Amino acid sequence: MTEYYVQLYSPHGLIRFQDPEIGRDKDTGGQVKYVLELLENLSKHPQVRKVDLFTRRIADKRVSSAYEKEIEEVNDKARIIRIACGGNIYRPKESLWEHLDEFIDKTLRFIEKESDIPDVVHGHYADGNYLAGQISEIFGVPFIATGHSLGKNKKSLLLQEGLSEEKIEEKFNMQQRISVEENLLKSADMIVVSTQHIIDSQYSQYDNFSAGRFKVIPPGINQEVYYPFYRPDMPSFKMPVEQEQALYRINSDIERFLFNPAKPLILSIGRADKRKNFETIIQSYGQDKELQAMANLAIFAGVRKDISAMPEDEKDILTRLLLLMDKYDLYGKMAIPKKNDPKLDVPEIYRLVARRKGVFVNATPGENFGLTIV
């Protein structure tokens, strides 16, 4: 039986296996969860002898020292490899483009030092796909690409929001991103998408669309942690201690905000990002006194500590949410906890809402990945 060495490339965001900070900022969202779960599950596959996730090494006092570690051992077959490029500071993904060739040079040195050439490379998002595409070309190995989101679709949404072409290019380096996405349609041996709809509505906007070799892999869930809210009531069920702790923690985090925590919950969850549209949810709830009498609102907007010390985008969004809470006097009716553990807390949040006969709301226009919906 052939055994493969797989390399995954996802350079942006904050990536660590233990206690991942999902939702901390706009670059540490669903994609980070995706690549970490992919890393772990590939390591369990009998035809994978080794799998490495390549990301950027960060030595910045604003973030955990865990991101400085060059090699993080996940298990006996999986590692996270951190490559330094563009200095030590934590950078938003849009500012990484000019440093990706440095990332490639240092990755090649790492591969040479290890004397182990990958059998297949898998890129994530445009920056990771640029890296994987270059490594694929150098070593002549298959290249798998996953977009997670696409530049042309994002540009269209930004134009609808009123941003000019010049502002979009200045802030997002959009032309470079779209150029990489055009190239991967020709060069990738497989392009992974979650639905046919993404192929038809988003990839079809690209000039090289017809060259794309697409593979639809529908999203799924881990049924060991995502199970019905009523299962703990069954006589044969034994809840693990860590899940009991998560349930207690989530109950406490939500109930401390509310006058009447027994009411149904309206839930929305995601990172602190303008496109998550939390403001519209709070405004709709705040303007409807009848709805306020019927249900409470719970907004999990990423992970925050001191808002004043956060990046400007996240600071602005969270400040707006808290000001709306004050404007509509939603004290005692709206919960906005500071953090959640994506592995343990999030499943309990959904079960808590279901147990109280609540609803989940996703107000994001054109959600690409839809992690919270799944």
Protein backbone atom coordinates (compact mmCIF):
# COMPACT_ATOMS: atom_id res chain seq x y z
CA MET A 1 0.00 0.00 0.00
CA THR A 2 1.38 3.40 -1.03
CA GLU A 3 1.82 5.88 1.81
CA TYR A 4 1.88 9.61 1.12
CA TYR A 5 3.54 12.66 2.61
CA VAL A 6 1.03 15.54 2.44
CA GLN A 7 1.86 19.22 2.89
CA LEU A 8 -0.88 21.76 3.69
CA TYR A 9 -0.30 25.51 3.19
CA SER A 10 -2.25 28.17 5.11
CA PRO A 11 0.06 31.11 5.94
CA HIS A 12 -2.27 33.70 7.46
CA GLY A 13 -4.01 33.95 10.81
CA LEU A 14 -3.10 32.46 14.18
CA ILE A 15 -2.72 28.69 13.91
CA ARG A 16 -2.01 26.35 16.80
CA PHE A 17 -3.44 22.93 17.54
CA GLN A 18 -3.94 23.32 21.28
CA ASP A 19 -6.66 25.86 22.20
CA PRO A 20 -6.98 27.48 18.76
CA GLU A 21 -8.16 31.09 18.98
CA ILE A 22 -10.97 30.72 16.44
CA GLY A 23 -12.79 34.04 16.05
CA ARG A 24 -10.04 36.15 17.59
CA ASP A 25 -9.77 38.25 14.43
CA LYS A 26 -10.85 38.29 10.80
CA ASP A 27 -7.95 36.04 9.73
CA THR A 28 -8.54 33.38 12.38
CA GLY A 29 -11.95 32.00 11.50
CA GLY A 30 -13.48 28.98 9.83
CA GLN A 31 -10.50 28.36 7.56
CA VAL A 32 -8.21 27.83 10.57
CA LYS A 33 -10.66 25.33 12.04
CA TYR A 34 -10.88 23.61 8.64
CA VAL A 35 -7.12 23.16 8.18
CA LEU A 36 -6.59 21.99 11.76
CA GLU A 37 -9.31 19.35 11.43
CA LEU A 38 -7.95 18.34 8.02
CA LEU A 39 -4.46 18.00 9.51
CA GLU A 40 -5.69 15.76 12.32
CA ASN A 41 -7.91 13.59 10.14
CA LEU A 42 -5.31 13.10 7.41
CA SER A 43 -2.90 11.89 10.09
CA LYS A 44 -5.37 9.11 10.92
CA HIS A 45 -5.63 7.92 7.32
CA PRO A 46 -3.77 4.64 6.74
CA GLN A 47 -2.35 5.86 3.39
CA VAL A 48 -0.81 9.00 4.91
CA ARG A 49 2.63 8.44 6.44
CA LYS A 50 3.11 12.10 7.39
CA VAL A 51 1.22 15.39 7.11
CA ASP A 52 2.61 18.87 7.79
CA LEU A 53 0.69 22.15 7.96
CA PHE A 54 2.88 25.09 6.90
CA THR A 55 1.96 28.49 8.31
CA ARG A 56 3.75 31.70 9.27
CA ARG A 57 5.96 32.00 12.34
CA ILE A 58 5.03 34.99 14.53
CA ALA A 59 7.05 36.49 17.39
CA ASP A 60 4.89 39.38 18.55
CA LYS A 61 4.13 40.36 22.15
CA ARG A 62 0.52 41.04 21.14
CA VAL A 63 -0.07 37.32 20.58
CA SER A 64 0.81 34.08 22.34
CA SER A 65 4.41 32.86 22.32
CA ALA A 66 3.01 29.53 21.02
CA TYR A 67 3.16 31.02 17.51
CA GLU A 68 6.96 31.40 17.79
CA LYS A 69 7.56 27.66 17.97
CA GLU A 70 9.03 26.49 14.67
CA ILE A 71 7.69 22.94 14.88
CA GLU A 72 4.58 21.95 16.82
CA GLU A 73 4.15 18.19 17.14
CA VAL A 74 0.45 17.30 16.91
CA ASN A 75 0.86 13.53 16.95
CA ASP A 76 3.35 10.99 15.62
CA LYS A 77 2.28 11.70 12.00
CA ALA A 78 1.21 15.37 12.05
CA ARG A 79 3.06 18.64 12.65
CA ILE A 80 2.56 22.38 12.29
CA ILE A 81 5.62 23.96 10.63
CA ARG A 82 6.05 27.71 11.12
CA ILE A 83 8.10 29.57 8.52
CA ALA A 84 9.37 33.10 9.26
CA CYS A 85 8.73 35.73 6.58
CA GLY A 86 8.02 39.43 6.54
CA GLY A 87 9.59 40.01 9.95
CA ASN A 88 8.21 38.89 13.29
CA ILE A 89 5.06 40.97 13.74
CA TYR A 90 1.57 39.57 13.24
CA ARG A 91 0.33 40.86 9.89
CA PRO A 92 -3.10 40.86 8.25
CA LYS A 93 -3.25 38.52 5.27
CA GLU A 94 -3.52 41.37 2.77
CA SER A 95 0.00 42.56 3.69
CA LEU A 96 1.63 39.13 3.29
CA TRP A 97 1.72 38.99 -0.51
CA GLU A 98 5.12 40.68 -0.92
CA HIS A 99 6.65 38.24 1.59
CA LEU A 100 5.38 34.94 0.15
CA ASP A 101 8.44 34.35 -2.04
CA GLU A 102 10.56 34.56 1.12
CA PHE A 103 8.21 31.95 2.63
CA ILE A 104 8.83 29.69 -0.38
CA ASP A 105 12.63 30.07 -0.18
CA LYS A 106 12.67 29.13 3.49
CA THR A 107 10.23 26.27 2.95
CA LEU A 108 12.55 24.84 0.29
CA ARG A 109 15.43 25.01 2.77
CA PHE A 110 13.29 23.21 5.35
CA ILE A 111 12.37 20.46 2.87
CA GLU A 112 16.02 20.09 1.85
CA LYS A 113 17.09 19.84 5.49
CA GLU A 114 14.45 17.17 6.16
CA SER A 115 15.36 15.29 2.96
CA ASP A 116 11.68 14.49 2.46
CA ILE A 117 9.84 15.69 -0.65
CA PRO A 118 6.03 15.87 -0.46
CA ASP A 119 3.90 13.52 -2.54
CA VAL A 120 1.06 16.04 -2.73
CA VAL A 121 0.54 19.69 -1.69
CA HIS A 122 -2.76 21.30 -0.69
CA GLY A 123 -3.17 25.08 -0.59
CA HIS A 124 -5.81 27.04 1.30
CA TYR A 125 -7.10 30.50 0.30
CA ALA A 126 -5.30 32.46 -2.41
CA ASP A 127 -2.08 32.96 -0.43
CA GLY A 128 -1.80 29.29 0.53
CA ASN A 129 -2.61 28.28 -3.03
CA TYR A 130 0.17 30.52 -4.34
CA LEU A 131 2.63 28.76 -2.03
CA ALA A 132 1.36 25.26 -2.80
CA GLY A 133 1.34 25.98 -6.55
CA GLN A 134 4.99 27.06 -6.49
CA ILE A 135 6.08 24.05 -4.42
CA SER A 136 4.10 21.77 -6.75
CA GLU A 137 5.86 23.20 -9.80
CA ILE A 138 9.33 22.93 -8.25
CA PHE A 139 8.97 19.27 -7.22
CA GLY A 140 6.55 18.13 -9.91
CA VAL A 141 3.95 16.84 -7.44
CA PRO A 142 0.11 17.08 -7.53
CA PHE A 143 -1.46 20.35 -6.39
CA ILE A 144 -4.84 20.47 -4.62
CA ALA A 145 -6.48 23.88 -4.05
CA THR A 146 -9.24 25.02 -1.71
CA GLY A 147 -10.37 28.62 -2.09
CA HIS A 148 -12.46 29.11 1.09
CA SER A 149 -13.49 32.46 -0.41
CA LEU A 150 -12.83 34.10 -3.77
CA GLY A 151 -11.54 37.53 -4.69
CA LYS A 152 -14.03 38.33 -7.45
CA ASN A 153 -16.98 37.56 -5.20
CA LYS A 154 -15.54 39.64 -2.36
CA LYS A 155 -14.75 42.53 -4.70
CA SER A 156 -18.35 42.53 -5.94
CA LEU A 157 -19.66 42.70 -2.36
CA LEU A 158 -17.24 45.51 -1.47
CA LEU A 159 -18.33 47.53 -4.52
CA GLN A 160 -21.96 47.06 -3.43
CA GLU A 161 -20.98 48.43 -0.01
CA GLY A 162 -19.73 51.60 -1.70
CA LEU A 163 -15.96 51.11 -1.73
CA SER A 164 -14.15 52.39 -4.81
CA GLU A 165 -11.94 50.25 -7.05
CA GLU A 166 -8.92 52.22 -5.83
CA LYS A 167 -9.74 51.74 -2.14
CA ILE A 168 -10.35 48.01 -2.61
CA GLU A 169 -7.00 47.59 -4.35
CA GLU A 170 -5.18 49.68 -1.74
CA LYS A 171 -6.61 47.74 1.21
CA PHE A 172 -6.94 44.19 -0.15
CA ASN A 173 -4.36 43.76 -2.98
CA MET A 174 -7.28 42.34 -4.92
CA GLN A 175 -5.69 42.14 -8.36
CA GLN A 176 -2.87 39.96 -7.08
CA ARG A 177 -5.34 37.69 -5.31
CA ILE A 178 -7.56 37.34 -8.39
CA SER A 179 -4.52 36.68 -10.59
CA VAL A 180 -3.48 33.78 -8.31
CA GLU A 181 -7.03 32.41 -8.43
CA GLU A 182 -7.04 32.61 -12.24
CA ASN A 183 -3.75 30.71 -12.39
CA LEU A 184 -4.80 27.96 -10.00
CA LEU A 185 -7.80 27.17 -12.22
CA LYS A 186 -5.28 26.09 -14.87
CA SER A 187 -2.58 24.59 -12.66
CA ALA A 188 -4.41 22.79 -9.82
CA ASP A 189 -4.93 19.05 -10.27
CA MET A 190 -8.03 19.29 -8.07
CA ILE A 191 -10.06 22.23 -6.74
CA VAL A 192 -12.07 21.33 -3.64
CA VAL A 193 -15.43 23.06 -3.17
CA SER A 194 -18.22 22.41 -0.69
CA THR A 195 -21.14 22.80 -3.13
CA GLN A 196 -21.93 22.87 -6.84
CA HIS A 197 -23.42 26.32 -6.23
CA ILE A 198 -19.95 27.78 -5.54
CA ILE A 199 -18.74 26.46 -8.90
CA ASP A 200 -21.76 27.84 -10.77
CA SER A 201 -22.06 31.21 -9.03
CA GLN A 202 -18.47 32.15 -8.12
CA TYR A 203 -15.79 30.24 -10.03
CA SER A 204 -17.79 30.79 -13.22
CA GLN A 205 -16.86 34.51 -13.03
CA TYR A 206 -13.21 33.67 -13.83
CA ASP A 207 -11.70 33.66 -17.33
CA ASN A 208 -10.07 30.25 -16.76
CA PHE A 209 -13.22 28.69 -15.29
CA SER A 210 -13.49 26.01 -17.98
CA ALA A 211 -10.01 24.69 -17.12
CA GLY A 212 -10.91 24.03 -13.48
CA ARG A 213 -10.91 20.43 -12.24
CA PHE A 214 -13.48 20.65 -9.46
CA LYS A 215 -14.33 18.14 -6.75
CA VAL A 216 -17.41 18.73 -4.59
CA ILE A 217 -16.86 17.51 -1.04
CA PRO A 218 -19.97 18.40 0.99
CA PRO A 219 -19.42 19.76 4.49
CA GLY A 220 -20.00 17.48 7.45
CA ILE A 221 -19.92 17.50 11.23
CA ASN A 222 -18.16 15.63 14.00
CA GLN A 223 -21.00 13.60 15.50
CA GLU A 224 -18.97 12.84 18.61
CA VAL A 225 -19.44 16.44 19.75
CA TYR A 226 -22.37 17.68 17.61
CA TYR A 227 -25.31 15.54 18.71
CA PRO A 228 -28.99 16.31 19.52
CA PHE A 229 -29.77 18.33 22.64
CA TYR A 230 -31.93 15.52 24.04
CA ARG A 231 -29.24 12.83 23.96
CA PRO A 232 -27.89 13.64 27.47
CA ASP A 233 -31.37 12.77 28.83
CA MET A 234 -31.09 9.20 27.56
CA PRO A 235 -30.29 6.63 30.29
CA SER A 236 -27.35 5.13 28.40
CA PHE A 237 -25.61 8.46 27.73
CA LYS A 238 -22.54 9.41 29.74
CA MET A 239 -21.40 12.99 29.16
CA PRO A 240 -17.61 13.44 29.24
CA VAL A 241 -16.36 15.62 32.08
CA GLU A 242 -14.96 18.28 29.72
CA GLN A 243 -18.38 18.65 28.06
CA GLU A 244 -20.08 18.96 31.45
CA GLN A 245 -17.64 21.75 32.25
CA ALA A 246 -18.31 23.42 28.90
CA LEU A 247 -22.08 23.28 29.48
CA TYR A 248 -21.72 24.86 32.92
CA ARG A 249 -19.37 27.51 31.53
CA ILE A 250 -21.67 28.45 28.66
CA ASN A 251 -24.75 28.60 30.89
CA SER A 252 -22.91 30.90 33.26
CA ASP A 253 -21.49 33.10 30.49
CA ILE A 254 -24.92 33.66 28.95
CA GLU A 255 -27.09 33.82 32.06
CA ARG A 256 -25.03 36.53 33.77
CA PHE A 257 -26.27 38.95 31.09
CA LEU A 258 -29.98 38.11 31.32
CA PHE A 259 -32.91 38.98 33.60
CA ASN A 260 -34.94 35.95 32.50
CA PRO A 261 -32.53 33.33 31.11
CA ALA A 262 -35.29 30.71 30.74
CA LYS A 263 -36.73 32.46 27.66
CA PRO A 264 -35.89 31.12 24.17
CA LEU A 265 -32.60 32.34 22.71
CA ILE A 266 -31.96 33.99 19.36
CA LEU A 267 -28.35 33.05 18.55
CA SER A 268 -25.80 34.40 16.11
CA ILE A 269 -22.16 33.38 16.18
CA GLY A 270 -19.06 34.30 14.19
CA ARG A 271 -15.93 36.41 14.31
CA ALA A 272 -16.01 40.20 14.74
CA ASP A 273 -16.33 40.99 11.04
CA LYS A 274 -18.53 43.59 9.37
CA ARG A 275 -19.83 41.02 6.88
CA LYS A 276 -21.25 38.89 9.70
CA ASN A 277 -23.88 41.63 9.95
CA PHE A 278 -24.42 41.42 13.72
CA GLU A 279 -25.50 45.08 13.70
CA THR A 280 -28.60 44.31 11.63
CA ILE A 281 -29.59 41.50 14.01
CA ILE A 282 -29.29 43.77 17.08
CA GLN A 283 -31.17 46.59 15.35
CA SER A 284 -34.01 44.27 14.33
CA TYR A 285 -34.26 42.84 17.82
CA GLY A 286 -33.92 46.25 19.47
CA GLN A 287 -36.78 47.72 17.42
CA ASP A 288 -39.19 44.87 18.20
CA LYS A 289 -40.56 45.06 21.75
CA GLU A 290 -42.78 42.03 21.21
CA LEU A 291 -39.78 39.93 20.20
CA GLN A 292 -37.85 41.16 23.24
CA ALA A 293 -40.71 39.99 25.46
CA MET A 294 -40.66 36.55 23.84
CA ALA A 295 -36.93 35.81 23.59
CA ASN A 296 -33.41 36.82 24.59
CA LEU A 297 -30.60 37.57 22.13
CA ALA A 298 -27.11 36.02 22.31
CA ILE A 299 -24.30 37.31 20.08
CA PHE A 300 -20.96 35.49 20.08
CA ALA A 301 -18.76 37.89 18.11
CA GLY A 302 -15.39 36.19 18.20
CA VAL A 303 -12.92 36.39 21.06
CA ARG A 304 -12.11 39.62 22.85
CA LYS A 305 -10.15 40.76 25.88
CA ASP A 306 -9.49 44.50 25.93
CA ILE A 307 -11.39 46.04 23.00
CA SER A 308 -9.23 49.17 23.10
CA ALA A 309 -6.14 47.07 22.34
CA MET A 310 -7.68 45.18 19.40
CA PRO A 311 -7.04 45.89 15.69
CA GLU A 312 -9.04 48.83 14.35
CA ASP A 313 -11.56 46.79 12.33
CA GLU A 314 -12.48 44.49 15.22
CA LYS A 315 -12.43 47.38 17.70
CA ASP A 316 -14.84 49.37 15.53
CA ILE A 317 -17.26 46.45 15.06
CA LEU A 318 -17.38 45.46 18.74
CA THR A 319 -17.78 49.09 19.82
CA ARG A 320 -20.72 49.46 17.43
CA LEU A 321 -22.37 46.32 18.83
CA LEU A 322 -22.04 47.53 22.41
CA LEU A 323 -23.33 50.99 21.46
CA LEU A 324 -26.38 49.41 19.81
CA MET A 325 -26.99 47.35 22.94
CA ASP A 326 -26.97 50.61 24.89
CA LYS A 327 -29.05 52.52 22.31
CA TYR A 328 -31.90 50.02 22.50
CA ASP A 329 -31.42 49.44 26.25
CA LEU A 330 -31.00 45.69 25.83
CA TYR A 331 -29.40 45.14 29.23
CA GLY A 332 -30.85 41.98 30.72
CA LYS A 333 -32.13 40.88 27.30
CA MET A 334 -28.95 40.54 25.24
CA ALA A 335 -25.85 38.46 26.01
CA ILE A 336 -22.53 39.17 24.31
CA PRO A 337 -19.94 36.87 25.95
CA LYS A 338 -16.24 37.60 25.50
CA LYS A 339 -15.07 34.20 24.23
CA ASN A 340 -15.89 30.59 23.43
CA ASP A 341 -13.91 27.41 22.88
CA PRO A 342 -14.70 26.20 19.33
CA LYS A 343 -14.07 22.55 20.20
CA LEU A 344 -16.14 22.27 23.38
CA ASP A 345 -18.21 25.41 23.93
CA VAL A 346 -19.75 25.88 20.48
CA PRO A 347 -21.56 22.49 20.40
CA GLU A 348 -22.99 23.25 23.85
CA ILE A 349 -24.11 26.71 22.71
CA TYR A 350 -26.18 25.17 19.91
CA ARG A 351 -27.66 22.53 22.23
CA LEU A 352 -28.53 25.18 24.81
CA VAL A 353 -30.40 27.19 22.17
CA ALA A 354 -32.23 24.07 20.95
CA ARG A 355 -33.14 23.07 24.51
CA ARG A 356 -34.74 26.48 25.05
CA LYS A 357 -36.58 26.26 21.71
CA GLY A 358 -34.61 29.12 20.22
CA VAL A 359 -33.42 29.94 16.71
CA PHE A 360 -30.08 30.45 14.97
CA VAL A 361 -29.64 33.49 12.70
CA ASN A 362 -27.03 33.94 9.98
CA ALA A 363 -27.33 37.42 8.48
CA THR A 364 -24.18 37.21 6.34
CA PRO A 365 -24.86 38.02 2.67
CA GLY A 366 -23.30 35.44 0.36
CA GLU A 367 -21.72 33.27 3.06
CA ASN A 368 -19.10 31.15 1.28
CA PHE A 369 -18.17 28.51 3.78
CA GLY A 370 -21.15 28.56 6.13
CA LEU A 371 -19.39 26.85 9.04
CA THR A 372 -21.87 28.11 11.63
CA ILE A 373 -24.85 27.01 9.52
CA VAL A 374 -23.49 23.49 9.11
